Amino acid sequence: MGEPGVTLGTKGRCQFCGETDPRAFRDIAHTLPEAFGNKSVTSLDECDACNARFAAFDDALVKRI
C-alpha cells in the first residue's frame, strides 16, 4: 500500500503566472518531478500551462543526473 498523497498550495491562483481561470487547473502538477520518484506530493497552485512549461526543465534536469 502506498503512502497517502500530500497536496500543497491553494487552488485558484497560479503561484507562477497568476492565472485564476478554473479551467486552467485540470492537470495534476507534481511539486517535485515524477522522474525523481515523486508520486504523491502535488501542487494545487500551479496552472496547466506553467506545469507544462516546467516539465521541459524537469526533463532536462533528470537527463543530467
PDB file of N, CA and C in Angstrom:
ATOM      1  N   MET A   1       0.834  -1.193   0.000  1.00  0.00           N
ATOM      2  CA  MET A   1       0.000   0.000   0.000  1.00  0.00           C
ATOM      3  C   MET A   1       0.877   1.254   0.000  1.00  0.00           C
ATOM      4  N   GLY A   2       0.567   2.246  -0.843  1.00  0.00           N
ATOM      5  CA  GLY A   2       1.348   3.471  -0.912  1.00  0.00           C
ATOM      6  C   GLY A   2       0.989   4.442   0.193  1.00  0.00           C
ATOM      7  N   GLU A   3       1.877   5.386   0.372  1.00  0.00           N
ATOM      8  CA  GLU A   3       1.626   6.423   1.372  1.00  0.00           C
ATOM      9  C   GLU A   3       0.571   7.388   0.853  1.00  0.00           C
ATOM     10  N   PRO A   4      -0.175   8.031   1.763  1.00  0.00           N
ATOM     11  CA  PRO A   4      -1.179   8.998   1.309  1.00  0.00           C
ATOM     12  C   PRO A   4      -0.503  10.201   0.650  1.00  0.00           C
ATOM     13  N   GLY A   5      -1.193  10.786  -0.306  1.00  0.00           N
ATOM     14  CA  GLY A   5      -0.651  11.938  -1.009  1.00  0.00           C
ATOM     15  C   GLY A   5      -0.679  13.199  -0.166  1.00  0.00           C
ATOM     16  N   VAL A   6       0.185  14.127  -0.523  1.00  0.00           N
ATOM     17  CA  VAL A   6       0.259  15.433   0.127  1.00  0.00           C
ATOM     18  C   VAL A   6       0.003  16.477  -0.946  1.00  0.00           C
ATOM     19  N   THR A   7      -0.895  17.399  -0.676  1.00  0.00           N
ATOM     20  CA  THR A   7      -1.213  18.463  -1.623  1.00  0.00           C
ATOM     21  C   THR A   7      -0.811  19.796  -1.020  1.00  0.00           C
ATOM     22  N   LEU A   8      -0.050  20.572  -1.781  1.00  0.00           N
ATOM     23  CA  LEU A   8       0.426  21.876  -1.318  1.00  0.00           C
ATOM     24  C   LEU A   8      -0.283  22.992  -2.076  1.00  0.00           C
ATOM     25  N   GLY A   9      -0.355  24.143  -1.469  1.00  0.00           N
ATOM     26  CA  GLY A   9      -0.919  25.314  -2.134  1.00  0.00           C
ATOM     27  C   GLY A   9      -2.431  25.390  -2.035  1.00  0.00           C
ATOM     28  N   THR A  10      -2.954  26.466  -2.580  1.00  0.00           N
ATOM     29  CA  THR A  10      -4.383  26.715  -2.587  1.00  0.00           C
ATOM     30  C   THR A  10      -4.845  26.883  -4.026  1.00  0.00           C
ATOM     31  N   LYS A  11      -5.790  26.054  -4.440  1.00  0.00           N
ATOM     32  CA  LYS A  11      -6.272  26.113  -5.815  1.00  0.00           C
ATOM     33  C   LYS A  11      -6.982  27.445  -6.061  1.00  0.00           C
ATOM     34  N   GLY A  12      -6.748  27.982  -7.232  1.00  0.00           N
ATOM     35  CA  GLY A  12      -7.451  29.207  -7.589  1.00  0.00           C
ATOM     36  C   GLY A  12      -6.574  30.293  -8.155  1.00  0.00           C
ATOM     37  N   ARG A  13      -5.264  30.254  -7.867  1.00  0.00           N
ATOM     38  CA  ARG A  13      -4.342  31.264  -8.414  1.00  0.00           C
ATOM     39  C   ARG A  13      -2.971  30.620  -8.566  1.00  0.00           C
ATOM     40  N   CYS A  14      -2.454  30.621  -9.801  1.00  0.00           N
ATOM     41  CA  CYS A  14      -1.145  30.037 -10.058  1.00  0.00           C
ATOM     42  C   CYS A  14      -0.066  30.872  -9.374  1.00  0.00           C
ATOM     43  N   GLN A  15       0.797  30.193  -8.662  1.00  0.00           N
ATOM     44  CA  GLN A  15       1.869  30.889  -7.949  1.00  0.00           C
ATOM     45  C   GLN A  15       2.928  31.465  -8.891  1.00  0.00           C
ATOM     46  N   PHE A  16       2.945  31.037 -10.143  1.00  0.00           N
ATOM     47  CA  PHE A  16       3.967  31.494 -11.079  1.00  0.00           C
ATOM     48  C   PHE A  16       3.481  32.589 -12.027  1.00  0.00           C
ATOM     49  N   CYS A  17       2.287  32.423 -12.600  1.00  0.00           N
ATOM     50  CA  CYS A  17       1.821  33.401 -13.593  1.00  0.00           C
ATOM     51  C   CYS A  17       0.588  34.178 -13.140  1.00  0.00           C
ATOM     52  N   GLY A  18      -0.050  33.757 -12.048  1.00  0.00           N
ATOM     53  CA  GLY A  18      -1.219  34.458 -11.539  1.00  0.00           C
ATOM     54  C   GLY A  18      -2.538  34.048 -12.164  1.00  0.00           C
ATOM     55  N   GLU A  19      -2.528  33.033 -13.031  1.00  0.00           N
ATOM     56  CA  GLU A  19      -3.760  32.556 -13.681  1.00  0.00           C
ATOM     57  C   GLU A  19      -4.817  32.210 -12.639  1.00  0.00           C
ATOM     58  N   THR A  20      -6.068  32.605 -12.922  1.00  0.00           N
ATOM     59  CA  THR A  20      -7.158  32.326 -11.981  1.00  0.00           C
ATOM     60  C   THR A  20      -8.332  31.574 -12.611  1.00  0.00           C
ATOM     61  N   ASP A  21      -8.305  31.331 -13.906  1.00  0.00           N
ATOM     62  CA  ASP A  21      -9.398  30.621 -14.578  1.00  0.00           C
ATOM     63  C   ASP A  21      -9.421  29.166 -14.101  1.00  0.00           C
ATOM     64  N   PRO A  22     -10.523  28.702 -13.513  1.00  0.00           N
ATOM     65  CA  PRO A  22     -10.596  27.328 -13.005  1.00  0.00           C
ATOM     66  C   PRO A  22     -10.324  26.265 -14.073  1.00  0.00           C
ATOM     67  N   ARG A  23     -10.593  26.587 -15.336  1.00  0.00           N
ATOM     68  CA  ARG A  23     -10.336  25.628 -16.424  1.00  0.00           C
ATOM     69  C   ARG A  23      -8.849  25.417 -16.666  1.00  0.00           C
ATOM     70  N   ALA A  24      -7.998  26.260 -16.105  1.00  0.00           N
ATOM     71  CA  ALA A  24      -6.553  26.163 -16.290  1.00  0.00           C
ATOM     72  C   ALA A  24      -5.897  25.241 -15.260  1.00  0.00           C
ATOM     73  N   PHE A  25      -6.700  24.633 -14.402  1.00  0.00           N
ATOM     74  CA  PHE A  25      -6.162  23.784 -13.333  1.00  0.00           C
ATOM     75  C   PHE A  25      -6.717  22.365 -13.443  1.00  0.00           C
ATOM     76  N   ARG A  26      -6.608  21.768 -14.619  1.00  0.00           N
ATOM     77  CA  ARG A  26      -7.164  20.433 -14.845  1.00  0.00           C
ATOM     78  C   ARG A  26      -6.156  19.326 -14.623  1.00  0.00           C
ATOM     79  N   ASP A  27      -4.893  19.566 -14.912  1.00  0.00           N
ATOM     80  CA  ASP A  27      -3.862  18.540 -14.783  1.00  0.00           C
ATOM     81  C   ASP A  27      -3.309  18.504 -13.362  1.00  0.00           C
ATOM     82  N   ILE A  28      -2.696  17.389 -13.024  1.00  0.00           N
ATOM     83  CA  ILE A  28      -2.041  17.261 -11.719  1.00  0.00           C
ATOM     84  C   ILE A  28      -0.614  17.770 -11.857  1.00  0.00           C
ATOM     85  N   ALA A  29      -0.252  18.738 -11.033  1.00  0.00           N
ATOM     86  CA  ALA A  29       1.103  19.289 -11.040  1.00  0.00           C
ATOM     87  C   ALA A  29       1.875  18.676  -9.880  1.00  0.00           C
ATOM     88  N   HIS A  30       2.973  17.990 -10.182  1.00  0.00           N
ATOM     89  CA  HIS A  30       3.805  17.399  -9.136  1.00  0.00           C
ATOM     90  C   HIS A  30       4.818  18.432  -8.661  1.00  0.00           C
ATOM     91  N   THR A  31       4.874  18.631  -7.355  1.00  0.00           N
ATOM     92  CA  THR A  31       5.761  19.631  -6.773  1.00  0.00           C
ATOM     93  C   THR A  31       7.220  19.303  -7.066  1.00  0.00           C
ATOM     94  N   LEU A  32       7.568  18.050  -6.969  1.00  0.00           N
ATOM     95  CA  LEU A  32       8.888  17.543  -7.346  1.00  0.00           C
ATOM     96  C   LEU A  32       8.675  16.636  -8.548  1.00  0.00           C
ATOM     97  N   PRO A  33       9.619  16.588  -9.473  1.00  0.00           N
ATOM     98  CA  PRO A  33       9.417  15.785 -10.679  1.00  0.00           C
ATOM     99  C   PRO A  33       9.114  14.310 -10.380  1.00  0.00           C
ATOM    100  N   GLU A  34       8.217  13.754 -11.154  1.00  0.00           N
ATOM    101  CA  GLU A  34       7.911  12.330 -11.039  1.00  0.00           C
ATOM    102  C   GLU A  34       9.143  11.489 -11.355  1.00  0.00           C
ATOM    103  N   ALA A  35      10.019  11.998 -12.206  1.00  0.00           N
ATOM    104  CA  ALA A  35      11.224  11.260 -12.571  1.00  0.00           C
ATOM    105  C   ALA A  35      12.154  11.056 -11.378  1.00  0.00           C
ATOM    106  N   PHE A  36      11.991  11.861 -10.339  1.00  0.00           N
ATOM    107  CA  PHE A  36      12.770  11.688  -9.105  1.00  0.00           C
ATOM    108  C   PHE A  36      12.079  10.727  -8.152  1.00  0.00           C
ATOM    109  N   GLY A  37      10.988  10.142  -8.607  1.00  0.00           N
ATOM    110  CA  GLY A  37      10.274   9.179  -7.775  1.00  0.00           C
ATOM    111  C   GLY A  37       9.078   9.756  -7.050  1.00  0.00           C
ATOM    112  N   ASN A  38       8.787  11.038  -7.245  1.00  0.00           N
ATOM    113  CA  ASN A  38       7.648  11.657  -6.564  1.00  0.00           C
ATOM    114  C   ASN A  38       6.339  11.238  -7.228  1.00  0.00           C
ATOM    115  N   LYS A  39       5.532  10.555  -6.490  1.00  0.00           N
ATOM    116  CA  LYS A  39       4.214  10.152  -6.984  1.00  0.00           C
ATOM    117  C   LYS A  39       3.102  10.739  -6.119  1.00  0.00           C
ATOM    118  N   SER A  40       3.476  11.374  -4.997  1.00  0.00           N
ATOM    119  CA  SER A  40       2.433  11.742  -4.039  1.00  0.00           C
ATOM    120  C   SER A  40       2.383  13.204  -3.629  1.00  0.00           C
ATOM    121  N   VAL A  41       3.397  14.018  -3.907  1.00  0.00           N
ATOM    122  CA  VAL A  41       3.368  15.428  -3.498  1.00  0.00           C
ATOM    123  C   VAL A  41       2.973  16.267  -4.711  1.00  0.00           C
ATOM    124  N   THR A  42       1.776  16.841  -4.653  1.00  0.00           N
ATOM    125  CA  THR A  42       1.260  17.629  -5.768  1.00  0.00           C
ATOM    126  C   THR A  42       0.975  19.060  -5.333  1.00  0.00           C
ATOM    127  N   SER A  43       0.787  19.912  -6.318  1.00  0.00           N
ATOM    128  CA  SER A  43       0.556  21.332  -6.076  1.00  0.00           C
ATOM    129  C   SER A  43      -0.778  21.759  -6.669  1.00  0.00           C
ATOM    130  N   LEU A  44      -1.571  22.452  -5.891  1.00  0.00           N
ATOM    131  CA  LEU A  44      -2.843  22.982  -6.374  1.00  0.00           C
ATOM    132  C   LEU A  44      -2.682  24.345  -7.040  1.00  0.00           C
ATOM    133  N   ASP A  45      -1.585  25.045  -6.731  1.00  0.00           N
ATOM    134  CA  ASP A  45      -1.441  26.421  -7.212  1.00  0.00           C
ATOM    135  C   ASP A  45      -0.437  26.546  -8.360  1.00  0.00           C
ATOM    136  N   GLU A  46      -0.479  25.555  -9.281  1.00  0.00           N
ATOM    137  CA  GLU A  46       0.322  25.608 -10.500  1.00  0.00           C
ATOM    138  C   GLU A  46      -0.600  25.271 -11.666  1.00  0.00           C
ATOM    139  N   CYS A  47      -0.828  26.238 -12.534  1.00  0.00           N
ATOM    140  CA  CYS A  47      -1.750  26.030 -13.654  1.00  0.00           C
ATOM    141  C   CYS A  47      -1.156  25.056 -14.668  1.00  0.00           C
ATOM    142  N   ASP A  48      -1.993  24.572 -15.568  1.00  0.00           N
ATOM    143  CA  ASP A  48      -1.569  23.595 -16.565  1.00  0.00           C
ATOM    144  C   ASP A  48      -0.456  24.144 -17.465  1.00  0.00           C
ATOM    145  N   ALA A  49      -0.551  25.408 -17.853  1.00  0.00           N
ATOM    146  CA  ALA A  49       0.460  25.996 -18.745  1.00  0.00           C
ATOM    147  C   ALA A  49       1.826  26.056 -18.062  1.00  0.00           C
ATOM    148  N   CYS A  50       1.873  26.475 -16.811  1.00  0.00           N
ATOM    149  CA  CYS A  50       3.147  26.527 -16.086  1.00  0.00           C
ATOM    150  C   CYS A  50       3.660  25.116 -15.810  1.00  0.00           C
ATOM    151  N   ASN A  51       2.757  24.204 -15.500  1.00  0.00           N
ATOM    152  CA  ASN A  51       3.146  22.816 -15.284  1.00  0.00           C
ATOM    153  C   ASN A  51       3.827  22.267 -16.536  1.00  0.00           C
ATOM    154  N   ALA A  52       3.254  22.521 -17.703  1.00  0.00           N
ATOM    155  CA  ALA A  52       3.842  22.053 -18.961  1.00  0.00           C
ATOM    156  C   ALA A  52       5.177  22.738 -19.227  1.00  0.00           C
ATOM    157  N   ARG A  53       5.254  24.031 -18.939  1.00  0.00           N
ATOM    158  CA  ARG A  53       6.489  24.785 -19.164  1.00  0.00           C
ATOM    159  C   ARG A  53       7.619  24.236 -18.298  1.00  0.00           C
ATOM    160  N   PHE A  54       7.329  23.966 -17.033  1.00  0.00           N
ATOM    161  CA  PHE A  54       8.362  23.468 -16.127  1.00  0.00           C
ATOM    162  C   PHE A  54       8.715  22.014 -16.405  1.00  0.00           C
ATOM    163  N   ALA A  55       7.841  21.270 -17.063  1.00  0.00           N
ATOM    164  CA  ALA A  55       8.133  19.874 -17.402  1.00  0.00           C
ATOM    165  C   ALA A  55       9.381  19.788 -18.271  1.00  0.00           C
ATOM    166  N   ALA A  56       9.584  20.762 -19.148  1.00  0.00           N
ATOM    167  CA  ALA A  56      10.776  20.768 -20.009  1.00  0.00           C
ATOM    168  C   ALA A  56      12.036  20.899 -19.162  1.00  0.00           C
ATOM    169  N   PHE A  57      11.996  21.729 -18.138  1.00  0.00           N
ATOM    170  CA  PHE A  57      13.149  21.876 -17.242  1.00  0.00           C
ATOM    171  C   PHE A  57      13.354  20.609 -16.422  1.00  0.00           C
ATOM    172  N   ASP A  58      12.263  20.017 -15.953  1.00  0.00           N
ATOM    173  CA  ASP A  58      12.363  18.770 -15.193  1.00  0.00           C
ATOM    174  C   ASP A  58      13.028  17.692 -16.031  1.00  0.00           C
ATOM    175  N   ASP A  59      12.607  17.559 -17.284  1.00  0.00           N
ATOM    176  CA  ASP A  59      13.193  16.546 -18.176  1.00  0.00           C
ATOM    177  C   ASP A  59      14.683  16.782 -18.372  1.00  0.00           C
ATOM    178  N   ALA A  60      15.072  18.032 -18.606  1.00  0.00           N
ATOM    179  CA  ALA A  60      16.482  18.347 -18.813  1.00  0.00           C
ATOM    180  C   ALA A  60      17.294  18.060 -17.558  1.00  0.00           C
ATOM    181  N   LEU A  61      16.751  18.378 -16.407  1.00  0.00           N
ATOM    182  CA  LEU A  61      17.441  18.133 -15.144  1.00  0.00           C
ATOM    183  C   LEU A  61      17.645  16.639 -14.915  1.00  0.00           C
ATOM    184  N   VAL A  62      16.627  15.867 -15.165  1.00  0.00           N
ATOM    185  CA  VAL A  62      16.706  14.421 -14.958  1.00  0.00           C
ATOM    186  C   VAL A  62      17.735  13.809 -15.902  1.00  0.00           C
ATOM    187  N   LYS A  63      17.830  14.298 -17.104  1.00  0.00           N
ATOM    188  CA  LYS A  63      18.790  13.753 -18.070  1.00  0.00           C
ATOM    189  C   LYS A  63      20.235  14.048 -17.672  1.00  0.00           C
ATOM    190  N   ARG A  64      20.442  15.063 -16.850  1.00  0.00           N
ATOM    191  CA  ARG A  64      21.789  15.432 -16.394  1.00  0.00           C
ATOM    192  C   ARG A  64      22.277  14.565 -15.240  1.00  0.00           C
ATOM    193  N   ILE A  65      21.361  13.857 -14.617  1.00  0.00           N
ATOM    194  CA  ILE A  65      21.730  13.048 -13.433  1.00  0.00           C
ATOM    195  C   ILE A  65      22.266  11.718 -13.859  1.00  0.00           C
TER     196      ILE A  65
END
